[in-house]
C-alpha atoms as a PDB file:
ATOM      1  CA  MET A   1       0.076  -0.074   0.020  1.00  0.00           C
ATOM      2  CA  MET A   2       1.327   3.557  -0.920  1.00  0.00           C
ATOM      3  CA  LYS A   3       1.315   6.193   1.365  1.00  0.00           C
ATOM      4  CA  ASN A   4       0.468   9.592   0.635  1.00  0.00           C
ATOM      5  CA  GLY A   5       4.041  10.757   0.086  1.00  0.00           C
ATOM      6  CA  ASP A   6       5.082   7.972  -1.775  1.00  0.00           C
ATOM      7  CA  LYS A   7       2.032   8.602  -4.113  1.00  0.00           C
ATOM      8  CA  PHE A   8       2.855  12.089  -4.687  1.00  0.00           C
ATOM      9  CA  LEU A   9       6.764  11.483  -5.540  1.00  0.00           C
ATOM     10  CA  ASN A  10       5.360   8.709  -8.032  1.00  0.00           C
ATOM     11  CA  ARG A  11       3.167  11.221  -9.703  1.00  0.00           C
ATOM     12  CA  PHE A  12       5.903  13.996  -9.638  1.00  0.00           C
ATOM     13  CA  MET A  13       8.581  11.609 -11.038  1.00  0.00           C
ATOM     14  CA  HIS A  14       6.073  10.796 -14.014  1.00  0.00           C
ATOM     15  CA  ALA A  15       5.440  14.358 -14.629  1.00  0.00           C
ATOM     16  CA  THR A  16       8.909  15.264 -14.913  1.00  0.00           C
ATOM     17  CA  GLU A  17       9.503  12.273 -17.118  1.00  0.00           C
ATOM     18  CA  LYS A  18       7.033  13.305 -19.380  1.00  0.00           C
ATOM     19  CA  ALA A  19       8.437  16.729 -19.416  1.00  0.00           C
ATOM     20  CA  GLN A  20      11.755  15.430 -20.283  1.00  0.00           C
ATOM     21  CA  LYS A  21      10.349  13.591 -23.344  1.00  0.00           C
ATOM     22  CA  VAL A  22       8.498  17.034 -24.641  1.00  0.00           C
ATOM     23  CA  PHE A  23      11.173  19.635 -23.893  1.00  0.00           C
ATOM     24  CA  GLY A  24      14.530  17.309 -23.555  1.00  0.00           C
ATOM     25  CA  PRO A  25      16.798  16.919 -20.912  1.00  0.00           C
ATOM     26  CA  ALA A  26      17.781  19.888 -18.815  1.00  0.00           C
ATOM     27  CA  ASP A  27      20.672  21.968 -19.677  1.00  0.00           C
ATOM     28  CA  ARG A  28      23.160  22.328 -16.933  1.00  0.00           C
ATOM     29  CA  GLY A  29      26.003  23.774 -18.765  1.00  0.00           C
ATOM     30  CA  ASP A  30      29.435  23.495 -17.172  1.00  0.00           C
ATOM     31  CA  MET A  31      29.056  23.372 -13.461  1.00  0.00           C
ATOM     32  CA  SER A  32      32.685  24.445 -12.924  1.00  0.00           C
ATOM     33  CA  ILE A  33      32.316  27.845 -14.417  1.00  0.00           C
ATOM     34  CA  PRO A  34      30.848  30.435 -12.142  1.00  0.00           C
ATOM     35  CA  VAL A  35      27.486  31.994 -12.983  1.00  0.00           C
ATOM     36  CA  ALA A  36      28.039  35.541 -14.222  1.00  0.00           C
ATOM     37  CA  HIS A  37      25.124  37.712 -12.953  1.00  0.00           C
ATOM     38  CA  HIS A  38      24.806  41.183 -14.496  1.00  0.00           C
ATOM     39  CA  HIS A  39      22.877  44.053 -13.313  1.00  0.00           C
ATOM     40  CA  ASP A  40      20.387  45.955 -15.008  1.00  0.00           C
ATOM     41  CA  ASP A  41      19.430  49.570 -14.565  1.00  0.00           C
ATOM     42  CA  LEU A  42      16.379  48.516 -12.133  1.00  0.00           C
ATOM     43  CA  GLU A  43      18.858  46.530  -9.900  1.00  0.00           C
ATOM     44  CA  GLU A  44      21.556  49.192  -9.755  1.00  0.00           C
ATOM     45  CA  SER A  45      18.869  51.622  -8.708  1.00  0.00           C
ATOM     46  CA  GLY A  46      17.629  49.405  -6.002  1.00  0.00           C
ATOM     47  CA  GLN A  47      21.034  48.681  -4.728  1.00  0.00           C
ATOM     48  CA  GLU A  48      21.813  52.293  -4.581  1.00  0.00           C
ATOM     49  CA  GLN A  49      18.596  53.056  -2.427  1.00  0.00           C
ATOM     50  CA  LEU A  50      19.442  50.034  -0.248  1.00  0.00           C
ATOM     51  CA  SER A  51      22.989  51.350   0.491  1.00  0.00           C
ATOM     52  CA  HIS A  52      21.575  54.176   2.563  1.00  0.00           C
ATOM     53  CA  TYR A  53      20.365  51.558   5.114  1.00  0.00           C
ATOM     54  CA  GLU A  54      22.196  49.162   7.750  1.00  0.00           C
ATOM     55  CA  GLN A  55      20.883  45.794   8.269  1.00  0.00           C
ATOM     56  CA  HIS A  56      20.480  44.411  11.929  1.00  0.00           C
ATOM     57  CA  THR A  57      19.641  41.455  13.870  1.00  0.00           C
ATOM     58  CA  ASP A  58      18.166  41.570  17.308  1.00  0.00           C
ATOM     59  CA  SER A  59      18.598  38.866  20.160  1.00  0.00           C
ATOM     60  CA  GLU A  60      15.593  37.001  18.899  1.00  0.00           C
ATOM     61  CA  GLY A  61      16.733  36.874  15.526  1.00  0.00           C
ATOM     62  CA  HIS A  62      14.553  39.456  13.884  1.00  0.00           C
ATOM     63  CA  HIS A  63      16.002  41.618  11.011  1.00  0.00           C
ATOM     64  CA  TYR A  64      15.537  45.315  10.552  1.00  0.00           C
ATOM     65  CA  ALA A  65      17.070  48.291   8.790  1.00  0.00           C
ATOM     66  CA  GLU A  66      18.168  51.549  10.131  1.00  0.00           C
ATOM     67  CA  ARG A  67      19.059  54.451   7.877  1.00  0.00           C
ATOM     68  CA  LYS A  68      22.606  55.132   8.113  1.00  0.00           C
ATOM     69  CA  SER A  69      23.781  58.359   9.815  1.00  0.00           C
ATOM     70  CA  GLU A  70      25.153  60.935   7.667  1.00  0.00           C
ATOM     71  CA  ALA A  71      28.377  61.678   9.111  1.00  0.00           C
END
């Protein structure tokens, strides 16, 4: 008798097998080459805006940001 987790995994594996037949195997490329991520203008703008804040973590593990002091 198959448990729910086994049934899900079985159906998932069949679905990925069908997807491989339609789209072909996954193209992983050369795993030894680092991924080159290029920023576009929107990302550059966001990074510039975030550069005015400092991230902190309190004793309970919550994260928050404070505007950097203009010294």
